[in-house]
Amino acid sequence: VGVFGAPSVMEALDPLLGPEMTEGASVHLSLREEGATTIADIVRTGLADDSVAAGHVRVEFRQESDGWYPTNAYRRMQCARSASPGEWTTGLCP
C-alpha cells in the first residue's frame, strides 16, 4: 500500500494521507495501540471513482528501537453499484 518504516506512525502514513483529494472527499483516520503494536485505519469517501462509495486501508505497525514498521496491510472497498450496495469487499467494484 506504499507505507514504509519511519520514526513515527504518522510519518509512515503520510503517503496514504497525501493530496489526492477531490472536492467533496473526506478522510477519517483512527489509531489504536495494542502494546508495541499500533493499528491505523484510514477510510476515504467521495472518491473520484463513482463505482466506489468508500475505501478502507488498515495498516498494522510494530515499534522497534529506530521507529515504526508496517507488519500487515489490508485494503477493501465499499461498492456504490452492486447487488449489495454499501457492502465491503476486497474485490473490484462493478
C-alpha atoms as a PDB file:
ATOM      1  CA  VAL A   1       0.000   0.000   0.000  1.00  0.00           C
ATOM      2  CA  GLY A   2       3.037   2.293  -0.149  1.00  0.00           C
ATOM      3  CA  VAL A   3       3.836   2.519   3.568  1.00  0.00           C
ATOM      4  CA  PHE A   4       7.380   2.099   4.878  1.00  0.00           C
ATOM      5  CA  GLY A   5       9.137   2.358   8.234  1.00  0.00           C
ATOM      6  CA  ALA A   6       9.509   5.820   9.766  1.00  0.00           C
ATOM      7  CA  PRO A   7      10.324   7.485  13.105  1.00  0.00           C
ATOM      8  CA  SER A   8       6.578   7.865  13.829  1.00  0.00           C
ATOM      9  CA  VAL A   9       3.378   6.180  12.682  1.00  0.00           C
ATOM     10  CA  MET A  10       2.070   9.477  11.272  1.00  0.00           C
ATOM     11  CA  GLU A  11       5.196   9.916   9.135  1.00  0.00           C
ATOM     12  CA  ALA A  12       4.823   6.344   7.848  1.00  0.00           C
ATOM     13  CA  LEU A  13       1.167   7.005   6.951  1.00  0.00           C
ATOM     14  CA  ASP A  14       1.942  10.250   5.099  1.00  0.00           C
ATOM     15  CA  PRO A  15       1.805   8.623   1.603  1.00  0.00           C
ATOM     16  CA  LEU A  16      -1.756   7.426   2.331  1.00  0.00           C
ATOM     17  CA  LEU A  17      -2.924  10.781   3.669  1.00  0.00           C
ATOM     18  CA  GLY A  18      -1.487  12.818   0.790  1.00  0.00           C
ATOM     19  CA  PRO A  19      -3.049  15.402  -1.511  1.00  0.00           C
ATOM     20  CA  GLU A  20      -5.054  13.127  -3.846  1.00  0.00           C
ATOM     21  CA  MET A  21      -8.277  14.640  -2.523  1.00  0.00           C
ATOM     22  CA  THR A  22     -11.137  15.677  -4.774  1.00  0.00           C
ATOM     23  CA  GLU A  23     -13.907  18.124  -3.982  1.00  0.00           C
ATOM     24  CA  GLY A  24     -16.419  16.555  -1.594  1.00  0.00           C
ATOM     25  CA  ALA A  25     -13.969  13.865  -0.469  1.00  0.00           C
ATOM     26  CA  SER A  26     -13.145  13.113   3.145  1.00  0.00           C
ATOM     27  CA  VAL A  27     -10.589  11.060   5.058  1.00  0.00           C
ATOM     28  CA  HIS A  28     -11.099   9.569   8.510  1.00  0.00           C
ATOM     29  CA  LEU A  29      -8.049   8.289  10.410  1.00  0.00           C
ATOM     30  CA  SER A  30      -8.159   6.278  13.614  1.00  0.00           C
ATOM     31  CA  LEU A  31      -5.202   4.870  15.540  1.00  0.00           C
ATOM     32  CA  ARG A  32      -5.383   2.124  18.142  1.00  0.00           C
ATOM     33  CA  GLU A  33      -2.469   0.979  20.296  1.00  0.00           C
ATOM     34  CA  GLU A  34      -2.106  -2.602  21.485  1.00  0.00           C
ATOM     35  CA  GLY A  35       1.170  -2.928  23.404  1.00  0.00           C
ATOM     36  CA  ALA A  36       4.075  -2.388  20.991  1.00  0.00           C
ATOM     37  CA  THR A  37       1.654  -2.510  18.039  1.00  0.00           C
ATOM     38  CA  THR A  38      -0.344   0.362  16.541  1.00  0.00           C
ATOM     39  CA  ILE A  39      -3.233  -0.239  14.137  1.00  0.00           C
ATOM     40  CA  ALA A  40      -4.148   2.558  11.733  1.00  0.00           C
ATOM     41  CA  ASP A  41      -7.496   2.616   9.900  1.00  0.00           C
ATOM     42  CA  ILE A  42      -7.979   5.087   7.049  1.00  0.00           C
ATOM     43  CA  VAL A  43     -11.412   5.440   5.420  1.00  0.00           C
ATOM     44  CA  ARG A  44     -11.867   7.669   2.355  1.00  0.00           C
ATOM     45  CA  THR A  45     -15.216   8.709   0.928  1.00  0.00           C
ATOM     46  CA  GLY A  46     -16.089  10.843  -2.092  1.00  0.00           C
ATOM     47  CA  LEU A  47     -13.516   9.143  -4.304  1.00  0.00           C
ATOM     48  CA  ALA A  48     -13.151  10.040  -7.984  1.00  0.00           C
ATOM     49  CA  ASP A  49     -14.291   6.514  -8.966  1.00  0.00           C
ATOM     50  CA  ASP A  50     -18.118   6.618  -8.919  1.00  0.00           C
ATOM     51  CA  SER A  51     -18.340   2.816  -8.558  1.00  0.00           C
ATOM     52  CA  VAL A  52     -16.651   3.047  -5.147  1.00  0.00           C
ATOM     53  CA  ALA A  53     -18.551   4.597  -2.221  1.00  0.00           C
ATOM     54  CA  ALA A  54     -15.588   4.325   0.185  1.00  0.00           C
ATOM     55  CA  GLY A  55     -12.142   2.807   0.533  1.00  0.00           C
ATOM     56  CA  HIS A  56     -10.617   1.401   3.716  1.00  0.00           C
ATOM     57  CA  VAL A  57      -6.945   0.671   4.407  1.00  0.00           C
ATOM     58  CA  ARG A  58      -5.726  -0.896   7.649  1.00  0.00           C
ATOM     59  CA  VAL A  59      -2.009  -0.938   8.440  1.00  0.00           C
ATOM     60  CA  GLU A  60      -0.519  -2.642  11.479  1.00  0.00           C
ATOM     61  CA  PHE A  61       2.805  -1.308  12.798  1.00  0.00           C
ATOM     62  CA  ARG A  62       5.316  -2.665  15.296  1.00  0.00           C
ATOM     63  CA  GLN A  63       7.628  -0.437  17.256  1.00  0.00           C
ATOM     64  CA  GLU A  64      11.369  -1.028  17.110  1.00  0.00           C
ATOM     65  CA  SER A  65      14.219   0.960  18.620  1.00  0.00           C
ATOM     66  CA  ASP A  66      14.622   3.134  15.497  1.00  0.00           C
ATOM     67  CA  GLY A  67      10.949   3.669  14.535  1.00  0.00           C
ATOM     68  CA  TRP A  68       7.681   2.102  13.471  1.00  0.00           C
ATOM     69  CA  TYR A  69       7.483  -0.562  10.762  1.00  0.00           C
ATOM     70  CA  PRO A  70       4.426  -1.959   8.936  1.00  0.00           C
ATOM     71  CA  THR A  71       3.815  -5.659   9.535  1.00  0.00           C
ATOM     72  CA  ASN A  72       0.451  -6.163   7.775  1.00  0.00           C
ATOM     73  CA  ALA A  73      -1.766  -4.145   5.454  1.00  0.00           C
ATOM     74  CA  TYR A  74      -5.321  -4.736   4.254  1.00  0.00           C
ATOM     75  CA  ARG A  75      -7.431  -2.933   1.643  1.00  0.00           C
ATOM     76  CA  ARG A  76     -11.155  -3.154   0.918  1.00  0.00           C
ATOM     77  CA  MET A  77     -13.792  -1.162  -0.956  1.00  0.00           C
ATOM     78  CA  GLN A  78     -17.417  -0.315  -0.374  1.00  0.00           C
ATOM     79  CA  CYS A  79     -19.148  -0.554  -3.749  1.00  0.00           C
ATOM     80  CA  ALA A  80     -21.718   2.041  -4.773  1.00  0.00           C
ATOM     81  CA  ARG A  81     -23.237  -0.068  -7.574  1.00  0.00           C
ATOM     82  CA  SER A  82     -23.611  -3.756  -6.870  1.00  0.00           C
ATOM     83  CA  ALA A  83     -26.177  -6.355  -5.864  1.00  0.00           C
ATOM     84  CA  SER A  84     -25.468  -5.315  -2.254  1.00  0.00           C
ATOM     85  CA  PRO A  85     -24.511  -1.622  -2.308  1.00  0.00           C
ATOM     86  CA  GLY A  86     -22.678  -0.495   0.814  1.00  0.00           C
ATOM     87  CA  GLU A  87     -21.203  -3.929   1.482  1.00  0.00           C
ATOM     88  CA  TRP A  88     -17.413  -4.071   1.951  1.00  0.00           C
ATOM     89  CA  THR A  89     -15.407  -6.260  -0.425  1.00  0.00           C
ATOM     90  CA  THR A  90     -11.776  -6.991  -1.247  1.00  0.00           C
ATOM     91  CA  GLY A  91     -12.732  -7.473  -4.911  1.00  0.00           C
ATOM     92  CA  LEU A  92     -13.291  -4.936  -7.646  1.00  0.00           C
ATOM     93  CA  CYS A  93     -16.464  -2.867  -7.691  1.00  0.00           C
ATOM     94  CA  PRO A  94     -18.693  -3.189 -10.780  1.00  0.00           C
END
